[in-house]
């Protein structure tokens, strides 16, 4: 192969791998009531580079008629989270949960979920800036009306640039 062809193949492979989202599966739907109990917790890194902002992206599974809770529990910079329904028809956005010990950490709950499938989660700097920053995320599936899902985030309306969840009452947060 000539050099031009090798460059084209390498560029194609790079673009193909960077566009995918890692699927994360929690096999259980929990009835526990402590904050983020039974959640899968793991670390991530927002992969910004120079002036090119890039979100950290995963897909999480949920069945219909349950509660999906996704919370950044620690962060190095102020982050925002967007969750997109499996068919792309709805998007939930949150910047600041106001919950201790990380009031600027985002939290999205979808209660109840309307679709069985993979919800796409985007995590990035709240203002859209390019950052390289680590964070910890908890993903859990709960029965409807579980205390982990009392903070409901309404889907953003079509055309909305930003939508924040209503400020939850820290005194009524699960595990408090």
N, C-alpha and C. Protein backbone atom coordinates (compact mmCIF):
# COMPACT_ATOMS: atom_id res chain seq x y z
N UNK A 1 0.84 -1.19 0.00
CA UNK A 1 0.00 0.00 0.00
C UNK A 1 0.88 1.24 0.00
N UNK A 2 0.37 2.25 -0.66
CA UNK A 2 1.15 3.49 -0.66
C UNK A 2 0.85 4.31 0.60
N UNK A 3 1.66 5.30 0.80
CA UNK A 3 1.57 6.11 2.02
C UNK A 3 0.21 6.81 2.15
N UNK A 4 -0.33 7.30 1.05
CA UNK A 4 -1.62 7.98 1.07
C UNK A 4 -2.74 7.02 1.50
N UNK A 5 -2.70 5.80 1.00
CA UNK A 5 -3.72 4.81 1.35
C UNK A 5 -3.62 4.43 2.83
N UNK A 6 -2.38 4.26 3.33
CA UNK A 6 -2.20 3.93 4.75
C UNK A 6 -2.72 5.06 5.65
N UNK A 7 -2.47 6.30 5.25
CA UNK A 7 -2.95 7.43 6.03
C UNK A 7 -4.48 7.45 6.05
N UNK A 8 -5.11 7.17 4.93
CA UNK A 8 -6.57 7.14 4.85
C UNK A 8 -7.15 6.04 5.73
N UNK A 9 -6.53 4.86 5.72
CA UNK A 9 -6.99 3.75 6.56
C UNK A 9 -6.84 4.10 8.04
N UNK A 10 -5.72 4.67 8.42
CA UNK A 10 -5.48 5.05 9.81
C UNK A 10 -6.48 6.10 10.26
N UNK A 11 -6.75 7.09 9.43
CA UNK A 11 -7.73 8.14 9.79
C UNK A 11 -9.13 7.54 9.94
N UNK A 12 -9.49 6.63 9.07
CA UNK A 12 -10.80 5.98 9.14
C UNK A 12 -10.94 5.18 10.42
N UNK A 13 -9.91 4.43 10.79
CA UNK A 13 -9.96 3.66 12.03
C UNK A 13 -10.04 4.56 13.25
N UNK A 14 -9.31 5.66 13.25
CA UNK A 14 -9.35 6.60 14.36
C UNK A 14 -10.74 7.19 14.52
N UNK A 15 -11.36 7.61 13.43
CA UNK A 15 -12.70 8.18 13.50
C UNK A 15 -13.73 7.13 13.91
N UNK A 16 -13.58 5.92 13.44
CA UNK A 16 -14.55 4.87 13.76
C UNK A 16 -14.51 4.52 15.24
N UNK A 17 -13.35 4.48 15.84
CA UNK A 17 -13.27 4.11 17.24
C UNK A 17 -13.64 5.25 18.17
N UNK A 18 -13.42 6.49 17.78
CA UNK A 18 -13.71 7.60 18.67
C UNK A 18 -15.19 7.94 18.74
N UNK A 19 -15.99 7.44 17.81
CA UNK A 19 -17.41 7.77 17.78
C UNK A 19 -18.27 6.82 18.61
N UNK A 20 -17.71 5.73 19.09
CA UNK A 20 -18.52 4.76 19.80
C UNK A 20 -18.62 5.10 21.28
N UNK A 21 -19.68 4.58 21.91
CA UNK A 21 -19.88 4.76 23.34
C UNK A 21 -19.79 3.39 24.01
N UNK A 22 -19.15 3.33 25.15
CA UNK A 22 -19.01 2.07 25.87
C UNK A 22 -20.32 1.73 26.57
N UNK A 23 -20.87 0.53 26.34
CA UNK A 23 -22.08 0.15 27.06
C UNK A 23 -21.74 -0.35 28.47
N UNK A 24 -22.48 0.13 29.46
CA UNK A 24 -22.34 -0.30 30.85
C UNK A 24 -23.67 -0.89 31.28
N UNK A 25 -23.64 -2.10 31.85
CA UNK A 25 -24.87 -2.80 32.18
C UNK A 25 -24.91 -3.14 33.66
N UNK A 26 -25.94 -2.68 34.35
CA UNK A 26 -26.20 -3.07 35.73
C UNK A 26 -27.33 -4.09 35.65
N UNK A 27 -27.09 -5.35 35.98
CA UNK A 27 -28.10 -6.39 35.78
C UNK A 27 -29.26 -6.35 36.77
N UNK A 28 -29.16 -5.53 37.80
CA UNK A 28 -30.20 -5.57 38.83
C UNK A 28 -31.04 -4.30 38.85
N UNK A 29 -32.29 -4.46 39.24
CA UNK A 29 -33.15 -3.34 39.58
C UNK A 29 -33.35 -3.44 41.07
N UNK A 30 -32.94 -2.42 41.80
CA UNK A 30 -32.88 -2.50 43.25
C UNK A 30 -34.07 -1.81 43.93
N UNK A 31 -34.39 -2.30 45.12
CA UNK A 31 -35.41 -1.68 45.96
C UNK A 31 -34.77 -1.01 47.18
N UNK A 32 -33.43 -1.06 47.30
CA UNK A 32 -32.76 -0.44 48.45
C UNK A 32 -33.00 1.07 48.42
N UNK A 33 -32.89 1.72 49.56
CA UNK A 33 -33.27 3.13 49.63
C UNK A 33 -32.15 4.09 50.03
N UNK A 34 -30.96 3.60 50.40
CA UNK A 34 -29.86 4.51 50.70
C UNK A 34 -29.34 5.12 49.40
N UNK A 35 -28.78 6.32 49.51
CA UNK A 35 -28.31 7.05 48.33
C UNK A 35 -27.31 6.20 47.53
N UNK A 36 -27.62 6.01 46.25
CA UNK A 36 -26.80 5.26 45.30
C UNK A 36 -26.50 3.83 45.72
N UNK A 37 -27.31 3.28 46.63
CA UNK A 37 -27.12 1.88 47.02
C UNK A 37 -27.31 1.01 45.78
N UNK A 38 -26.58 -0.05 45.68
CA UNK A 38 -26.66 -0.99 44.57
C UNK A 38 -26.24 -0.39 43.23
N UNK A 39 -25.74 0.84 43.21
CA UNK A 39 -25.31 1.46 41.96
C UNK A 39 -23.94 0.92 41.55
N UNK A 40 -23.69 0.91 40.26
CA UNK A 40 -22.37 0.60 39.73
C UNK A 40 -21.60 1.92 39.75
N UNK A 41 -20.44 1.96 40.41
CA UNK A 41 -19.67 3.19 40.51
C UNK A 41 -18.31 2.99 39.86
N UNK A 42 -17.90 3.95 39.04
CA UNK A 42 -16.63 3.85 38.33
C UNK A 42 -16.12 5.23 37.98
N UNK A 43 -14.85 5.30 37.63
CA UNK A 43 -14.21 6.56 37.27
C UNK A 43 -14.22 6.79 35.78
N UNK A 44 -14.17 8.07 35.40
CA UNK A 44 -14.10 8.46 34.00
C UNK A 44 -13.25 9.70 33.86
N UNK A 45 -12.89 10.02 32.63
CA UNK A 45 -12.10 11.21 32.33
C UNK A 45 -12.70 11.93 31.14
N UNK A 46 -13.04 13.21 31.31
CA UNK A 46 -13.47 14.03 30.18
C UNK A 46 -12.22 14.26 29.35
N UNK A 47 -12.23 13.85 28.06
CA UNK A 47 -11.00 13.82 27.26
C UNK A 47 -10.74 15.05 26.40
N UNK A 48 -10.88 16.25 26.94
CA UNK A 48 -10.61 17.44 26.15
C UNK A 48 -9.14 17.51 25.75
N UNK A 49 -8.87 18.17 24.63
CA UNK A 49 -7.49 18.32 24.16
C UNK A 49 -7.32 19.70 23.55
N UNK A 50 -6.38 20.47 24.08
CA UNK A 50 -6.13 21.85 23.63
C UNK A 50 -7.44 22.61 23.63
N UNK A 51 -7.88 23.15 22.49
CA UNK A 51 -9.13 23.90 22.43
C UNK A 51 -10.29 23.08 21.88
N UNK A 52 -10.12 21.76 21.79
CA UNK A 52 -11.15 20.90 21.23
C UNK A 52 -11.90 20.18 22.35
N UNK A 53 -13.08 20.69 22.68
CA UNK A 53 -13.90 20.06 23.72
C UNK A 53 -14.44 18.73 23.20
N UNK A 54 -14.50 17.75 24.09
CA UNK A 54 -15.03 16.44 23.74
C UNK A 54 -15.69 15.86 24.97
N UNK A 55 -16.93 15.37 24.85
CA UNK A 55 -17.58 14.80 26.03
C UNK A 55 -17.10 13.38 26.28
N UNK A 56 -17.24 12.93 27.50
CA UNK A 56 -17.06 11.52 27.86
C UNK A 56 -18.43 10.89 27.62
N UNK A 57 -18.48 9.77 26.92
CA UNK A 57 -19.76 9.20 26.51
C UNK A 57 -19.82 7.72 26.84
N UNK A 58 -20.94 7.31 27.46
CA UNK A 58 -21.24 5.89 27.67
C UNK A 58 -22.71 5.66 27.35
N UNK A 59 -23.10 4.40 27.32
CA UNK A 59 -24.51 4.04 27.22
C UNK A 59 -24.83 3.13 28.40
N UNK A 60 -25.96 3.41 29.06
CA UNK A 60 -26.39 2.61 30.20
C UNK A 60 -27.76 2.01 29.88
N UNK A 61 -27.99 0.81 30.38
CA UNK A 61 -29.23 0.10 30.08
C UNK A 61 -30.28 0.33 31.16
N UNK A 62 -31.53 0.43 30.73
CA UNK A 62 -32.67 0.48 31.65
C UNK A 62 -33.87 -0.13 30.93
N UNK A 63 -34.75 -0.76 31.70
CA UNK A 63 -35.99 -1.26 31.12
C UNK A 63 -37.08 -0.22 31.33
N UNK A 64 -38.17 -0.36 30.60
CA UNK A 64 -39.25 0.61 30.75
C UNK A 64 -39.94 0.45 32.09
N UNK A 65 -40.49 1.55 32.58
CA UNK A 65 -41.24 1.62 33.83
C UNK A 65 -40.39 1.39 35.07
N UNK A 66 -39.12 1.75 35.02
CA UNK A 66 -38.29 1.73 36.22
C UNK A 66 -37.65 3.10 36.36
N UNK A 67 -36.83 3.27 37.38
CA UNK A 67 -36.12 4.53 37.58
C UNK A 67 -34.65 4.34 37.23
N UNK A 68 -34.11 5.26 36.47
CA UNK A 68 -32.70 5.29 36.12
C UNK A 68 -32.07 6.49 36.83
N UNK A 69 -31.01 6.24 37.61
CA UNK A 69 -30.33 7.32 38.35
C UNK A 69 -28.86 7.31 37.94
N UNK A 70 -28.37 8.47 37.49
CA UNK A 70 -26.97 8.63 37.10
C UNK A 70 -26.47 9.89 37.79
N UNK A 71 -25.44 9.72 38.65
CA UNK A 71 -24.94 10.84 39.43
C UNK A 71 -23.42 10.88 39.39
N UNK A 72 -22.87 12.05 39.08
CA UNK A 72 -21.45 12.27 39.25
C UNK A 72 -21.27 12.52 40.74
N UNK A 73 -20.43 11.70 41.39
CA UNK A 73 -20.28 11.80 42.85
C UNK A 73 -19.03 12.57 43.27
N UNK A 74 -18.07 12.72 42.37
CA UNK A 74 -16.90 13.57 42.62
C UNK A 74 -16.38 14.04 41.27
N UNK A 75 -15.77 15.23 41.26
CA UNK A 75 -15.29 15.81 40.00
C UNK A 75 -14.14 16.77 40.26
N UNK A 76 -13.28 16.90 39.25
CA UNK A 76 -12.15 17.83 39.36
C UNK A 76 -12.50 19.23 38.85
N UNK A 77 -13.48 19.32 37.95
CA UNK A 77 -13.98 20.60 37.43
C UNK A 77 -15.50 20.53 37.44
N UNK A 78 -16.16 21.66 37.27
CA UNK A 78 -17.62 21.70 37.24
C UNK A 78 -18.13 21.06 35.95
N UNK A 79 -18.87 19.96 36.09
CA UNK A 79 -19.33 19.20 34.93
C UNK A 79 -20.84 19.32 34.75
N UNK A 80 -21.29 18.99 33.55
CA UNK A 80 -22.70 18.91 33.21
C UNK A 80 -22.95 17.54 32.59
N UNK A 81 -24.17 17.02 32.76
CA UNK A 81 -24.51 15.72 32.19
C UNK A 81 -25.77 15.83 31.33
N UNK A 82 -25.74 15.12 30.22
CA UNK A 82 -26.91 14.99 29.34
C UNK A 82 -27.18 13.51 29.17
N UNK A 83 -28.45 13.13 29.27
CA UNK A 83 -28.86 11.75 29.06
C UNK A 83 -29.89 11.76 27.94
N UNK A 84 -29.69 10.91 26.94
CA UNK A 84 -30.55 10.86 25.76
C UNK A 84 -31.27 9.52 25.73
N UNK A 85 -32.60 9.56 25.51
CA UNK A 85 -33.41 8.34 25.44
C UNK A 85 -32.94 7.45 24.28
N UNK A 86 -33.21 6.14 24.38
CA UNK A 86 -32.76 5.22 23.32
C UNK A 86 -33.16 5.62 21.91
N UNK A 87 -34.34 6.20 21.73
CA UNK A 87 -34.77 6.60 20.39
C UNK A 87 -34.41 8.04 20.07
N UNK A 88 -33.75 8.74 21.00
CA UNK A 88 -33.33 10.12 20.78
C UNK A 88 -34.44 11.15 20.94
N UNK A 89 -35.64 10.73 21.36
CA UNK A 89 -36.77 11.65 21.43
C UNK A 89 -36.73 12.58 22.64
N UNK A 90 -36.01 12.21 23.69
CA UNK A 90 -35.96 13.03 24.90
C UNK A 90 -34.52 13.15 25.38
N UNK A 91 -34.23 14.31 25.99
CA UNK A 91 -32.92 14.57 26.56
C UNK A 91 -33.11 15.18 27.94
N UNK A 92 -32.37 14.67 28.92
CA UNK A 92 -32.39 15.21 30.27
C UNK A 92 -31.04 15.85 30.53
N UNK A 93 -31.02 17.04 31.14
CA UNK A 93 -29.79 17.80 31.34
C UNK A 93 -29.72 18.27 32.79
N UNK A 94 -28.54 18.15 33.42
CA UNK A 94 -28.35 18.70 34.74
C UNK A 94 -26.92 19.18 34.89
N UNK A 95 -26.78 20.29 35.60
CA UNK A 95 -25.47 20.86 35.87
C UNK A 95 -25.10 20.67 37.34
N UNK A 96 -25.95 21.12 38.25
CA UNK A 96 -25.64 21.09 39.67
C UNK A 96 -26.75 20.40 40.45
N UNK A 97 -26.43 19.33 41.16
CA UNK A 97 -27.44 18.62 41.95
C UNK A 97 -27.75 19.35 43.25
N UNK A 98 -26.86 20.15 43.74
CA UNK A 98 -26.89 20.86 45.03
C UNK A 98 -26.82 19.92 46.23
N UNK A 99 -26.53 18.65 46.01
CA UNK A 99 -26.44 17.68 47.11
C UNK A 99 -25.03 17.61 47.67
N UNK A 100 -24.91 17.57 48.98
CA UNK A 100 -23.61 17.39 49.64
C UNK A 100 -23.18 15.94 49.42
N UNK A 101 -21.93 15.65 49.32
CA UNK A 101 -20.77 16.51 49.51
C UNK A 101 -20.28 17.17 48.23
N UNK A 102 -21.02 17.04 47.13
CA UNK A 102 -20.59 17.61 45.85
C UNK A 102 -21.76 18.37 45.21
N UNK A 103 -22.06 19.59 45.70
CA UNK A 103 -23.23 20.31 45.20
C UNK A 103 -23.15 20.72 43.72
N UNK A 104 -21.95 20.80 43.16
CA UNK A 104 -21.82 21.16 41.75
C UNK A 104 -21.81 19.94 40.83
N UNK A 105 -21.89 18.75 41.41
CA UNK A 105 -21.93 17.52 40.60
C UNK A 105 -23.30 17.34 39.97
N UNK A 106 -23.36 16.92 38.70
CA UNK A 106 -24.65 16.70 38.06
C UNK A 106 -25.31 15.39 38.47
N UNK A 107 -26.64 15.40 38.44
CA UNK A 107 -27.46 14.23 38.76
C UNK A 107 -28.66 14.22 37.82
N UNK A 108 -28.89 13.09 37.15
CA UNK A 108 -30.08 12.92 36.32
C UNK A 108 -30.81 11.68 36.78
N UNK A 109 -32.11 11.83 37.03
CA UNK A 109 -32.97 10.69 37.27
C UNK A 109 -34.08 10.71 36.23
N UNK A 110 -34.34 9.56 35.65
CA UNK A 110 -35.43 9.41 34.71
C UNK A 110 -36.42 8.47 35.39
N UNK A 111 -37.55 9.02 35.82
CA UNK A 111 -38.49 8.25 36.63
C UNK A 111 -39.93 8.57 36.25
N UNK A 112 -40.60 7.67 35.57
CA UNK A 112 -40.11 6.37 35.14
C UNK A 112 -39.53 6.45 33.73
N UNK A 113 -38.72 5.46 33.41
CA UNK A 113 -38.22 5.35 32.04
C UNK A 113 -39.39 4.95 31.16
N UNK A 114 -39.37 5.39 29.93
CA UNK A 114 -40.47 5.08 29.00
C UNK A 114 -40.07 4.04 27.96
N UNK A 115 -38.78 3.75 27.88
CA UNK A 115 -38.32 2.83 26.86
C UNK A 115 -37.35 1.81 27.43
N UNK A 116 -37.42 0.62 26.91
CA UNK A 116 -36.47 -0.44 27.21
C UNK A 116 -35.30 -0.23 26.25
N UNK A 117 -34.09 -0.03 26.78
CA UNK A 117 -32.96 0.16 25.88
C UNK A 117 -31.79 0.87 26.51
N UNK A 118 -30.91 1.37 25.64
CA UNK A 118 -29.65 1.98 26.05
C UNK A 118 -29.77 3.50 26.00
N UNK A 119 -29.58 4.12 27.16
CA UNK A 119 -29.61 5.57 27.30
C UNK A 119 -28.19 6.09 27.16
N UNK A 120 -27.99 7.10 26.32
CA UNK A 120 -26.66 7.65 26.07
C UNK A 120 -26.39 8.77 27.07
N UNK A 121 -25.23 8.69 27.73
CA UNK A 121 -24.85 9.66 28.76
C UNK A 121 -23.63 10.44 28.27
N UNK A 122 -23.75 11.77 28.25
CA UNK A 122 -22.64 12.67 27.89
C UNK A 122 -22.24 13.43 29.13
N UNK A 123 -20.96 13.46 29.45
CA UNK A 123 -20.45 14.26 30.57
C UNK A 123 -19.37 15.18 30.01
N UNK A 124 -19.50 16.48 30.27
CA UNK A 124 -18.52 17.45 29.81
C UNK A 124 -18.50 18.66 30.72
N UNK A 125 -17.59 19.59 30.46
CA UNK A 125 -17.48 20.81 31.25
C UNK A 125 -18.77 21.60 31.08
N UNK A 126 -19.30 22.16 32.18
CA UNK A 126 -20.64 22.77 32.16
C UNK A 126 -20.79 23.90 31.15
N UNK A 127 -19.73 24.61 30.83
CA UNK A 127 -19.83 25.72 29.88
C UNK A 127 -19.41 25.36 28.48
N UNK A 128 -19.05 24.11 28.25
CA UNK A 128 -18.63 23.67 26.92
C UNK A 128 -17.15 23.85 26.63
N UNK A 129 -16.36 24.21 27.64
CA UNK A 129 -14.93 24.40 27.45
C UNK A 129 -14.21 23.06 27.32
N UNK A 130 -13.07 23.10 26.70
CA UNK A 130 -12.23 21.91 26.60
C UNK A 130 -11.47 21.73 27.91
N UNK A 131 -11.68 20.59 28.56
CA UNK A 131 -10.98 20.27 29.80
C UNK A 131 -10.54 18.82 29.76
N UNK A 132 -9.55 18.51 30.52
CA UNK A 132 -9.14 17.13 30.77
C UNK A 132 -9.31 16.96 32.27
N UNK A 133 -10.35 16.20 32.68
CA UNK A 133 -10.66 16.13 34.10
C UNK A 133 -11.25 14.78 34.48
N UNK A 134 -10.89 14.31 35.66
CA UNK A 134 -11.40 13.03 36.17
C UNK A 134 -12.65 13.25 37.01
N UNK A 135 -13.47 12.20 37.08
CA UNK A 135 -14.68 12.24 37.90
C UNK A 135 -15.07 10.81 38.25
N UNK A 136 -16.01 10.67 39.18
CA UNK A 136 -16.58 9.38 39.54
C UNK A 136 -18.07 9.44 39.28
N UNK A 137 -18.62 8.37 38.71
CA UNK A 137 -20.02 8.33 38.34
C UNK A 137 -20.68 7.09 38.94
N UNK A 138 -21.91 7.25 39.43
CA UNK A 138 -22.70 6.14 39.94
C UNK A 138 -23.92 5.96 39.04
N UNK A 139 -24.16 4.72 38.58
CA UNK A 139 -25.30 4.40 37.71
C UNK A 139 -26.11 3.30 38.38
N UNK A 140 -27.39 3.58 38.61
CA UNK A 140 -28.23 2.60 39.26
C UNK A 140 -29.61 2.52 38.63
N UNK A 141 -30.19 1.34 38.76
CA UNK A 141 -31.56 1.08 38.31
C UNK A 141 -32.38 0.73 39.55
N UNK A 142 -33.52 1.40 39.70
CA UNK A 142 -34.34 1.24 40.89
C UNK A 142 -35.81 1.05 40.52
N UNK A 143 -36.56 0.50 41.48
CA UNK A 143 -38.00 0.39 41.27
C UNK A 143 -38.60 1.80 41.26
N UNK A 144 -39.73 1.94 40.59
CA UNK A 144 -40.40 3.24 40.52
C UNK A 144 -40.72 3.74 41.92
N UNK A 145 -40.69 5.05 42.09
CA UNK A 145 -41.00 5.73 43.35
C UNK A 145 -40.00 5.41 44.45
N UNK A 146 -38.83 4.93 44.11
CA UNK A 146 -37.76 4.69 45.07
C UNK A 146 -37.21 6.04 45.55
N UNK A 147 -36.81 6.18 46.82
CA UNK A 147 -36.24 7.45 47.29
C UNK A 147 -35.02 7.91 46.48
N UNK A 148 -34.31 7.01 45.82
CA UNK A 148 -33.19 7.42 44.97
C UNK A 148 -33.67 8.21 43.76
N UNK A 149 -34.95 8.21 43.53
CA UNK A 149 -35.49 8.84 42.32
C UNK A 149 -36.47 9.95 42.62
N UNK A 150 -36.42 10.51 43.83
CA UNK A 150 -37.34 11.59 44.17
C UNK A 150 -36.96 12.89 43.48
N UNK A 151 -35.70 13.04 43.10
CA UNK A 151 -35.26 14.22 42.36
C UNK A 151 -35.42 13.92 40.89
N UNK A 152 -36.53 14.35 40.31
CA UNK A 152 -36.82 14.06 38.91
C UNK A 152 -36.32 15.20 38.04
N UNK A 153 -35.67 14.85 36.95
CA UNK A 153 -35.21 15.84 35.98
C UNK A 153 -36.15 15.77 34.78
N UNK A 154 -36.84 16.86 34.50
CA UNK A 154 -37.75 16.88 33.36
C UNK A 154 -36.94 16.92 32.06
N UNK A 155 -37.45 16.26 31.02
CA UNK A 155 -36.73 16.32 29.74
C UNK A 155 -36.68 17.76 29.22
N UNK A 156 -35.58 18.08 28.55
CA UNK A 156 -35.46 19.40 27.92
C UNK A 156 -36.45 19.49 26.77
N UNK A 157 -37.01 20.68 26.56
CA UNK A 157 -37.93 20.88 25.44
C UNK A 157 -37.12 21.02 24.16
N UNK A 158 -37.73 20.65 23.05
CA UNK A 158 -37.07 20.79 21.75
C UNK A 158 -36.65 22.24 21.58
N UNK A 159 -35.44 22.46 21.15
CA UNK A 159 -34.93 23.81 20.93
C UNK A 159 -34.27 24.41 22.15
N UNK A 160 -34.46 23.81 23.34
CA UNK A 160 -33.79 24.32 24.54
C UNK A 160 -32.30 24.08 24.41
N UNK A 161 -31.53 25.10 24.67
CA UNK A 161 -30.09 24.95 24.67
C UNK A 161 -29.65 24.30 25.97
N UNK A 162 -30.17 24.77 27.06
CA UNK A 162 -29.81 24.24 28.37
C UNK A 162 -31.07 24.08 29.20
N UNK A 163 -31.06 23.09 30.03
CA UNK A 163 -32.18 22.86 30.93
C UNK A 163 -31.61 22.31 32.22
N UNK A 164 -31.93 22.94 33.32
CA UNK A 164 -31.43 22.47 34.60
C UNK A 164 -32.57 21.83 35.39
N UNK A 165 -32.24 20.88 36.21
CA UNK A 165 -33.27 20.26 37.04
C UNK A 165 -33.63 21.20 38.16
N UNK A 166 -34.83 21.05 38.71
CA UNK A 166 -35.15 21.85 39.88
C UNK A 166 -34.24 21.49 41.03
N UNK A 167 -33.90 22.44 41.86
CA UNK A 167 -33.00 22.18 42.99
C UNK A 167 -33.68 21.23 43.97
N UNK A 168 -33.05 20.09 44.26
CA UNK A 168 -33.65 19.17 45.22
C UNK A 168 -33.46 19.68 46.64
N UNK A 169 -34.28 19.19 47.52
CA UNK A 169 -34.17 19.52 48.94
C UNK A 169 -33.11 18.60 49.55
N UNK A 170 -31.93 19.13 49.94
CA UNK A 170 -30.88 18.27 50.49
C UNK A 170 -31.32 17.48 51.71
N UNK A 171 -32.30 17.97 52.45
CA UNK A 171 -32.76 17.26 53.64
C UNK A 171 -33.58 16.02 53.31
N UNK A 172 -34.12 15.95 52.08
CA UNK A 172 -34.92 14.79 51.71
C UNK A 172 -34.14 13.83 50.81
N UNK A 173 -32.85 14.08 50.60
CA UNK A 173 -32.04 13.21 49.74
C UNK A 173 -31.91 11.83 50.36
N UNK A 174 -31.90 10.79 49.51
CA UNK A 174 -31.74 9.44 50.04
C UNK A 174 -30.47 9.31 50.87
N UNK A 175 -30.54 8.55 51.94
CA UNK A 175 -29.37 8.31 52.78
C UNK A 175 -29.08 9.43 53.75
N UNK A 176 -29.94 10.42 53.81
CA UNK A 176 -29.72 11.56 54.71
C UNK A 176 -30.56 11.43 55.95
